[in-house]
Protein backbone atom coordinates (compact mmCIF):
# COMPACT_ATOMS: atom_id res chain seq x y z
CA MET A 1 7.02 6.63 17.39
CA ALA A 2 3.33 5.95 16.77
CA ARG A 3 2.21 2.42 17.60
CA GLU A 4 0.80 2.11 14.04
CA LYS A 5 4.38 2.17 12.72
CA ILE A 6 5.85 -0.42 15.12
CA VAL A 7 6.47 -4.03 14.06
CA VAL A 8 7.17 -6.38 16.98
CA ALA A 9 8.71 -9.84 16.93
CA PRO A 10 5.92 -12.37 16.40
CA ALA A 11 7.93 -15.00 18.29
CA ASP A 12 10.67 -15.71 20.81
CA GLY A 13 13.81 -16.85 19.04
CA LYS A 14 16.74 -15.61 17.01
CA ILE A 15 16.91 -13.44 13.88
CA VAL A 16 18.18 -15.70 11.07
CA VAL A 17 17.25 -13.69 7.96
CA ILE A 18 17.11 -9.97 7.14
CA GLU A 19 17.00 -9.54 3.38
CA GLU A 20 15.12 -8.24 0.39
CA VAL A 21 13.29 -11.04 -1.42
CA GLU A 22 10.93 -11.43 -4.35
CA GLU A 23 7.53 -12.23 -2.83
CA ASN A 24 5.46 -13.58 -5.72
CA THR A 25 2.56 -15.27 -3.93
CA TYR A 26 0.72 -12.09 -2.90
CA PHE A 27 2.73 -8.91 -3.46
CA HIS A 28 4.47 -9.75 -6.75
CA ASP A 29 7.34 -7.41 -5.88
CA ARG A 30 10.34 -7.10 -3.61
CA ARG A 31 9.79 -7.15 0.15
CA LEU A 32 11.94 -6.97 3.25
CA MET A 33 11.83 -10.36 4.96
CA ILE A 34 12.77 -10.74 8.62
CA SER A 35 12.83 -14.33 9.88
CA ILE A 36 12.90 -15.61 13.45
CA PHE A 37 13.95 -19.18 14.19
CA MET A 38 12.43 -20.77 17.29
CA SER A 39 14.55 -23.54 18.79
CA LEU A 40 13.13 -26.37 20.85
CA PHE A 41 13.86 -24.26 23.94
CA ASN A 42 11.90 -21.14 22.94
CA VAL A 43 8.29 -20.41 23.86
CA HIS A 44 6.35 -21.26 20.71
CA ALA A 45 3.47 -18.82 21.08
CA ASN A 46 3.13 -16.46 18.10
CA TRP A 47 1.93 -12.85 18.33
CA PHE A 48 0.49 -10.38 15.85
CA PRO A 49 3.46 -8.26 14.69
CA VAL A 50 1.31 -5.18 13.97
CA ASP A 51 -2.06 -3.68 14.83
CA GLY A 52 -4.64 -3.87 12.06
CA LYS A 53 -7.25 -6.06 10.43
CA VAL A 54 -6.67 -9.63 9.27
CA LYS A 55 -7.18 -9.57 5.51
CA PHE A 56 -6.94 -13.35 5.12
CA VAL A 57 -5.50 -16.54 6.59
CA LYS A 58 -4.34 -19.37 4.30
CA HIS A 59 -2.82 -22.74 5.17
CA PHE A 60 -0.48 -24.63 2.82
CA ASP A 61 0.59 -28.26 3.12
CA GLY A 62 4.23 -28.92 2.35
CA ASN A 63 7.53 -30.45 3.34
CA TYR A 64 9.26 -30.42 6.70
CA HIS A 65 12.77 -29.15 5.91
CA LYS A 66 14.83 -27.77 8.78
CA ALA A 67 13.15 -24.43 9.55
CA TRP A 68 16.32 -22.32 9.32
CA LEU A 69 16.91 -23.30 5.66
CA PRO A 70 15.92 -20.61 3.11
CA LYS A 71 13.68 -23.00 1.15
CA ALA A 72 11.59 -23.69 4.26
CA SER A 73 9.74 -20.38 3.81
CA GLU A 74 8.05 -21.55 0.61
CA GLU A 75 8.37 -25.34 0.61
CA ASN A 76 7.45 -26.29 4.19
CA GLU A 77 3.95 -26.52 5.58
CA HIS A 78 3.00 -22.97 6.51
CA ALA A 79 0.17 -20.59 7.34
CA ASP A 80 0.05 -17.09 5.86
CA ILE A 81 -1.67 -14.28 7.75
CA MET A 82 -2.05 -10.99 5.84
CA ILE A 83 -2.67 -7.97 8.06
CA THR A 84 -3.58 -4.47 6.90
CA THR A 85 -2.38 -1.79 9.33
CA PRO A 86 -4.49 1.30 10.19
CA ASP A 87 -2.29 3.22 7.69
CA GLY A 88 -3.18 0.75 4.91
CA VAL A 89 0.15 -1.12 4.84
CA ASP A 90 -0.10 -4.87 4.16
CA VAL A 91 2.17 -7.01 6.35
CA LEU A 92 2.47 -10.76 5.75
CA CYS A 93 3.26 -13.02 8.70
CA ARG A 94 4.15 -16.64 7.82
CA GLN A 95 4.16 -19.43 10.42
CA ILE A 96 6.45 -22.24 9.17
CA ALA A 97 6.60 -25.82 10.42
CA GLY A 98 10.09 -27.31 10.76
CA ALA A 99 11.60 -30.80 10.64
CA VAL A 100 10.42 -31.54 14.19
CA ALA A 101 7.43 -29.18 14.44
CA ARG A 102 4.65 -30.56 12.31
CA ARG A 103 1.71 -28.75 13.78
CA ILE A 104 0.78 -25.13 13.16
CA VAL A 105 -2.13 -23.62 15.08
CA THR A 106 -3.45 -20.27 13.84
CA TYR A 107 -6.01 -18.36 15.90
CA ALA A 108 -6.26 -15.45 13.43
CA LYS A 109 -9.53 -15.24 11.47
CA ASP A 110 -10.34 -13.44 8.23
CA GLY A 111 -11.74 -9.95 8.82
CA GLU A 112 -11.01 -9.68 12.55
CA ASP A 113 -9.28 -6.72 14.16
CA CYS A 114 -5.89 -7.67 15.60
CA TYR A 115 -3.49 -6.04 18.01
CA ILE A 116 0.18 -6.43 18.89
CA ASP A 117 -0.67 -7.73 22.39
CA GLU A 118 -2.76 -10.65 21.07
CA HIS A 119 -1.80 -14.23 20.25
CA LEU A 120 -1.77 -15.09 16.55
CA GLY A 121 -1.29 -18.82 17.22
CA PHE A 122 1.58 -21.21 17.93
CA ILE A 123 3.83 -23.77 16.30
CA LYS A 124 4.84 -26.90 18.14
CA LEU A 125 8.59 -27.39 18.73
CA GLY A 126 11.37 -25.91 16.53
CA SER A 127 10.04 -23.73 13.73
CA ARG A 128 10.20 -20.28 12.13
CA VAL A 129 8.15 -17.14 11.53
CA ASP A 130 8.78 -14.82 8.56
CA VAL A 131 7.50 -11.24 8.37
CA PHE A 132 7.32 -9.56 4.94
CA LEU A 133 7.42 -5.76 5.01
CA PRO A 134 7.55 -2.97 2.42
CA ILE A 135 10.96 -1.99 1.06
CA GLY A 136 12.14 1.10 2.94
CA THR A 137 10.99 -0.21 6.32
CA GLU A 138 13.53 0.63 9.04
CA VAL A 139 15.10 -2.54 10.47
CA CYS A 140 15.62 -2.38 14.26
CA VAL A 141 17.34 -5.78 14.80
CA LYS A 142 20.48 -7.49 13.56
CA MET A 143 21.38 -11.02 12.48
CA GLY A 144 21.69 -13.43 15.40
CA GLN A 145 19.86 -11.12 17.82
CA ALA A 146 17.57 -12.81 20.33
CA THR A 147 13.92 -11.74 20.22
CA THR A 148 11.09 -11.80 22.72
CA GLY A 149 7.70 -12.24 21.11
CA ASP A 150 5.37 -9.24 21.46
CA LEU A 151 8.16 -7.11 22.99
CA THR A 152 11.19 -6.80 20.70
CA VAL A 153 10.66 -4.07 18.09
CA ILE A 154 12.03 -5.60 14.87
CA ALA A 155 11.10 -2.78 12.46
CA LYS A 156 9.40 0.58 11.98
CA LEU A 157 7.14 1.17 9.00
CA LYS A 158 7.67 4.38 7.01
């Protein structure tokens, strides 16, 4: 499988969501969302899930609900990093602050090239990272599966 098609876990943790969702902030259509919850005991470094170019980085203030709750994805403080792969596929990676974690650090910068082996940023203490992918993407993980950031292949783009 070509590296351009691989999507790796952007964080250590556990898969808590694999579902199709309406993503109306950027895509305005249905997307596959894979979410990884990071407990207090996980390494909280975040990695780029795909190779590509950072299209934009946006930070949003918000609440601090428990990170595993579905509403945390949109209502909690979060940072959105949109990456365009070499094949032209847009992948959204969302760093989400949780009830304990109230500090998101994002190293990604608009317009920079990014690679799977590079740090995207980190979130202090328990938190979550969502990855939004095109419908039809092949899922390579299952609910409850442990992930290792930058190593576990979570999906393959079509």
